[in-house]
Protein backbone atom coordinates (compact mmCIF):
# COMPACT_ATOMS: atom_id res chain seq x y z
CA UNK A 1 0.00 0.00 0.00
CA UNK A 2 1.30 3.50 -0.77
CA UNK A 3 2.45 5.21 2.42
CA UNK A 4 0.28 8.27 1.89
CA UNK A 5 -3.33 7.12 1.91
CA UNK A 6 -6.09 9.32 3.34
CA UNK A 7 -9.40 7.62 4.08
CA UNK A 8 -12.49 9.86 4.16
CA UNK A 9 -15.63 8.13 5.40
CA UNK A 10 -19.06 9.37 6.36
CA UNK A 11 -22.78 9.20 5.60
CA UNK A 12 -24.46 10.33 2.38
CA UNK A 13 -24.52 14.07 1.89
CA UNK A 14 -21.68 14.82 4.29
CA UNK A 15 -19.50 16.22 1.51
CA UNK A 16 -17.08 13.33 1.14
CA UNK A 17 -16.63 13.43 -2.63
CA UNK A 18 -16.06 17.16 -3.09
CA UNK A 19 -13.89 17.37 0.01
CA UNK A 20 -11.75 14.35 -0.88
CA UNK A 21 -11.25 15.63 -4.42
CA UNK A 22 -10.16 19.07 -3.20
CA UNK A 23 -7.80 17.60 -0.60
CA UNK A 24 -6.24 15.35 -3.24
CA UNK A 25 -5.69 18.31 -5.55
CA UNK A 26 -4.10 20.39 -2.78
CA UNK A 27 -1.72 17.56 -1.83
CA UNK A 28 -0.99 16.34 -5.34
CA UNK A 29 -2.47 12.90 -4.67
CA UNK A 30 -4.83 10.69 -6.66
CA UNK A 31 -8.56 10.87 -5.90
CA UNK A 32 -10.55 7.63 -5.90
CA UNK A 33 -14.32 7.52 -5.24
CA UNK A 34 -15.29 3.99 -4.27
CA UNK A 35 -18.98 4.85 -4.36
CA UNK A 36 -18.76 5.47 -8.10
CA UNK A 37 -18.00 1.79 -8.66
CA UNK A 38 -20.99 0.67 -6.58
CA UNK A 39 -23.16 3.03 -8.58
CA UNK A 40 -21.71 1.78 -11.85
CA UNK A 41 -22.47 -1.83 -10.89
CA UNK A 42 -26.00 -0.80 -9.92
CA UNK A 43 -26.51 1.06 -13.21
CA UNK A 44 -25.23 -1.89 -15.22
CA UNK A 45 -27.51 -4.28 -13.38
CA UNK A 46 -30.55 -2.07 -13.93
CA UNK A 47 -29.80 -1.55 -17.62
CA UNK A 48 -29.26 -5.29 -18.18
CA UNK A 49 -32.31 -6.16 -16.06
CA UNK A 50 -29.96 -8.53 -14.24
CA UNK A 51 -30.74 -10.21 -10.90
CA UNK A 52 -29.40 -8.07 -8.07
CA UNK A 53 -27.35 -10.98 -6.74
CA UNK A 54 -23.67 -11.08 -5.98
CA UNK A 55 -22.20 -13.53 -8.45
CA UNK A 56 -24.33 -12.31 -11.35
CA UNK A 57 -23.45 -8.67 -10.73
CA UNK A 58 -19.74 -9.38 -10.34
CA UNK A 59 -19.75 -11.49 -13.52
CA UNK A 60 -21.51 -8.63 -15.34
CA UNK A 61 -19.00 -6.10 -14.00
CA UNK A 62 -16.08 -8.19 -15.20
CA UNK A 63 -17.56 -8.93 -18.61
CA UNK A 64 -18.50 -5.37 -19.60
CA UNK A 65 -16.04 -4.41 -17.98
CA UNK A 66 -16.67 -1.85 -15.25
CA UNK A 67 -13.56 -0.07 -14.05
CA UNK A 68 -12.03 3.15 -12.80
CA UNK A 69 -10.12 4.66 -15.72
CA UNK A 70 -7.36 7.19 -15.18
CA UNK A 71 -7.87 10.32 -17.28
CA UNK A 72 -6.36 13.80 -17.21
CA UNK A 73 -9.25 14.78 -14.94
CA UNK A 74 -8.56 11.87 -12.57
CA UNK A 75 -10.28 8.53 -12.10
CA UNK A 76 -13.67 8.19 -13.80
CA UNK A 77 -16.11 5.24 -13.73
CA UNK A 78 -16.49 3.48 -17.06
CA UNK A 79 -18.87 0.81 -18.35
CA UNK A 80 -17.67 -0.89 -21.53
CA UNK A 81 -15.24 1.97 -22.09
CA UNK A 82 -17.88 4.72 -21.71
CA UNK A 83 -17.63 7.38 -19.00
CA UNK A 84 -20.80 7.08 -16.88
CA UNK A 85 -19.99 9.79 -14.32
CA UNK A 86 -23.34 11.52 -14.95
CA UNK A 87 -25.51 8.45 -15.46
CA UNK A 88 -24.60 6.90 -12.11
CA UNK A 89 -26.14 9.90 -10.30
CA UNK A 90 -29.64 9.16 -11.61
CA UNK A 91 -32.38 8.74 -9.00
CA UNK A 92 -33.06 5.16 -10.07
CA UNK A 93 -29.44 4.29 -9.27
CA UNK A 94 -29.56 6.11 -5.93
CA UNK A 95 -32.69 4.14 -5.00
CA UNK A 96 -30.90 0.79 -5.40
CA UNK A 97 -27.23 1.42 -4.66
CA UNK A 98 -27.44 0.82 -0.90
CA UNK A 99 -28.87 -2.66 -1.48
CA UNK A 100 -26.22 -3.46 -4.09
CA UNK A 101 -23.38 -2.16 -1.92
CA UNK A 102 -24.52 -4.45 0.91
CA UNK A 103 -23.80 -7.56 -1.19
CA UNK A 104 -20.61 -9.21 0.06
CA UNK A 105 -19.40 -10.39 -3.38
CA UNK A 106 -19.88 -6.91 -4.86
CA UNK A 107 -18.00 -5.30 -1.98
CA UNK A 108 -15.11 -7.72 -2.35
CA UNK A 109 -14.89 -6.96 -6.07
CA UNK A 110 -15.09 -3.18 -5.58
CA UNK A 111 -12.50 -3.23 -2.79
CA UNK A 112 -10.06 -5.09 -5.00
CA UNK A 113 -10.64 -2.68 -7.89
CA UNK A 114 -10.07 0.27 -5.56
CA UNK A 115 -6.84 -1.20 -4.17
CA UNK A 116 -5.64 -1.86 -7.71
CA UNK A 117 -6.35 1.74 -8.69
CA UNK A 118 -4.48 3.10 -5.67
CA UNK A 119 -1.53 0.81 -6.35
CA UNK A 120 -1.09 2.58 -9.70
CA UNK A 121 -0.28 5.76 -7.77
CA UNK A 122 2.58 4.92 -5.40
CA UNK A 123 2.79 8.51 -4.16
CA UNK A 124 -0.57 8.25 -2.42
CA UNK A 125 -4.31 8.75 -2.76
CA UNK A 126 -7.36 10.23 -1.09
CA UNK A 127 -10.34 7.89 -1.02
CA UNK A 128 -13.86 8.36 0.22
CA UNK A 129 -16.67 5.97 1.01
CA UNK A 130 -18.29 4.34 3.99
CA UNK A 131 -15.74 1.69 4.94
CA UNK A 132 -12.44 2.96 3.54
CA UNK A 133 -10.82 3.36 6.95
CA UNK A 134 -12.40 0.27 8.48
CA UNK A 135 -12.19 -2.31 5.68
CA UNK A 136 -10.56 -1.16 2.43
CA UNK A 137 -7.51 0.56 3.93
CA UNK A 138 -7.56 -0.12 7.68
CA UNK A 139 -3.86 0.85 7.84
CA UNK A 140 -4.36 4.26 6.22
CA UNK A 141 -2.06 6.82 7.81
CA UNK A 142 -4.86 9.38 8.16
CA UNK A 143 -8.55 8.62 8.56
CA UNK A 144 -11.29 11.26 8.52
CA UNK A 145 -14.96 10.75 9.40
CA UNK A 146 -17.10 13.53 7.95
CA UNK A 147 -20.54 14.31 9.31
CA UNK A 148 -23.10 17.10 9.23
CA UNK A 149 -26.56 17.76 10.59
CA UNK A 150 -29.27 15.91 8.62
CA UNK A 151 -30.96 19.11 7.46
CA UNK A 152 -27.66 20.49 6.18
CA UNK A 153 -26.86 17.26 4.39
CA UNK A 154 -30.27 17.34 2.70
CA UNK A 155 -29.75 20.96 1.59
CA UNK A 156 -26.35 20.13 0.11
CA UNK A 157 -27.64 17.08 -1.72
CA UNK A 158 -30.45 19.06 -3.36
CA UNK A 159 -28.01 21.81 -4.33
CA UNK A 160 -25.56 19.28 -5.76
CA UNK A 161 -28.28 17.68 -7.88
CA UNK A 162 -29.72 21.02 -9.01
CA UNK A 163 -33.11 20.30 -7.45
CA UNK A 164 -35.46 22.76 -5.68
CA UNK A 165 -34.74 23.28 -1.97
CA UNK A 166 -38.17 24.27 -0.72
CA UNK A 167 -39.38 23.02 2.66
CA UNK A 168 -41.14 19.94 1.28
CA UNK A 169 -38.18 18.94 -0.89
CA UNK A 170 -35.87 19.30 2.09
CA UNK A 171 -38.16 17.16 4.23
CA UNK A 172 -38.33 14.40 1.64
CA UNK A 173 -34.57 14.46 1.02
CA UNK A 174 -33.82 14.34 4.74
CA UNK A 175 -36.08 11.31 5.06
CA UNK A 176 -34.29 9.64 2.15
CA UNK A 177 -30.90 10.29 3.73
CA UNK A 178 -32.12 8.83 7.02
CA UNK A 179 -33.22 5.73 5.11
CA UNK A 180 -29.80 5.46 3.47
CA UNK A 181 -28.07 5.94 6.83
CA UNK A 182 -30.13 3.15 8.38
CA UNK A 183 -29.40 0.74 5.55
CA UNK A 184 -25.69 1.57 5.50
CA UNK A 185 -25.19 1.39 9.27
CA UNK A 186 -27.19 -1.79 9.90
CA UNK A 187 -26.06 -3.98 7.00
CA UNK A 188 -24.21 -7.16 7.91
CA UNK A 189 -21.30 -6.54 5.54
CA UNK A 190 -18.95 -3.59 6.24
CA UNK A 191 -21.51 -1.32 7.93
CA UNK A 192 -20.99 2.43 8.04
CA UNK A 193 -19.12 3.30 11.22
CA UNK A 194 -16.35 5.57 12.37
CA UNK A 195 -12.95 3.89 12.66
CA UNK A 196 -11.56 3.99 16.19
CA UNK A 197 -8.57 6.05 15.05
CA UNK A 198 -10.46 8.37 12.67
CA UNK A 199 -10.58 12.13 13.21
CA UNK A 200 -14.23 13.27 13.38
CA UNK A 201 -14.98 16.39 11.34
CA UNK A 202 -18.45 17.95 11.62
CA UNK A 203 -18.86 20.16 8.57
CA UNK A 204 -22.26 21.63 9.48
CA UNK A 205 -20.87 25.05 10.36
CA UNK A 206 -17.63 25.02 8.37
CA UNK A 207 -17.22 26.54 4.96
CA UNK A 208 -15.94 24.23 2.26
CA UNK A 209 -12.53 25.91 2.27
CA UNK A 210 -12.31 25.61 6.05
CA UNK A 211 -12.90 21.87 6.07
CA UNK A 212 -10.45 21.30 3.22
CA UNK A 213 -7.81 23.47 4.93
CA UNK A 214 -8.26 21.53 8.17
CA UNK A 215 -7.82 18.11 6.56
CA UNK A 216 -4.84 19.30 4.52
CA UNK A 217 -3.21 20.59 7.71
CA UNK A 218 -3.75 17.20 9.37
CA UNK A 219 -2.27 15.43 6.36
CA UNK A 220 0.84 17.59 6.37
CA UNK A 221 1.43 16.70 10.02
CA UNK A 222 1.19 12.97 9.21
CA UNK A 223 3.15 12.91 5.97
CA UNK A 224 6.82 13.83 5.58
């Protein structure tokens, strides 16, 4: 494993992806989003009308193939050589990705793909997900657990997706995030939890630049 690996975990809507990407850019490290692979597997399964079962989904992922491709913009999820960065954010994918990511065979396949991607960057990487610091890279030098108040997470998710943020939309999105949190934290395989040695970072009242600056400062203390 590269010596400089930063694991950023946390629930949906806590700002993991944007924060991890910015931290990676500031430190000159690779950025790898494990969740993009779970979403790509989910999208492929839905498009192929395949059974949402472990061996079938893994076989489909290998045959297409699904992978993280390194481009000038960083790692992007591909299905059969096509960038699906936008397609994997569709609501139909979001509705099923928690169930797919709870499948042990799928998690094993994704974890191996993520480790392979990181191995291609010996200088280090910043990864985000829900079990990076507990399962994928338990020996990561720096582990961060991002969180935020549910209402703030719902507001950010609506803003990210370009959807209205009226009171009813916020209520529905907060309920959906609570559902995702419950599924992710109670699943039998690699449940969402904070690693014992992770640094908790509540981003509710921090600006984006403040949270990035804080994590970068922690990283510079850990890395030579």
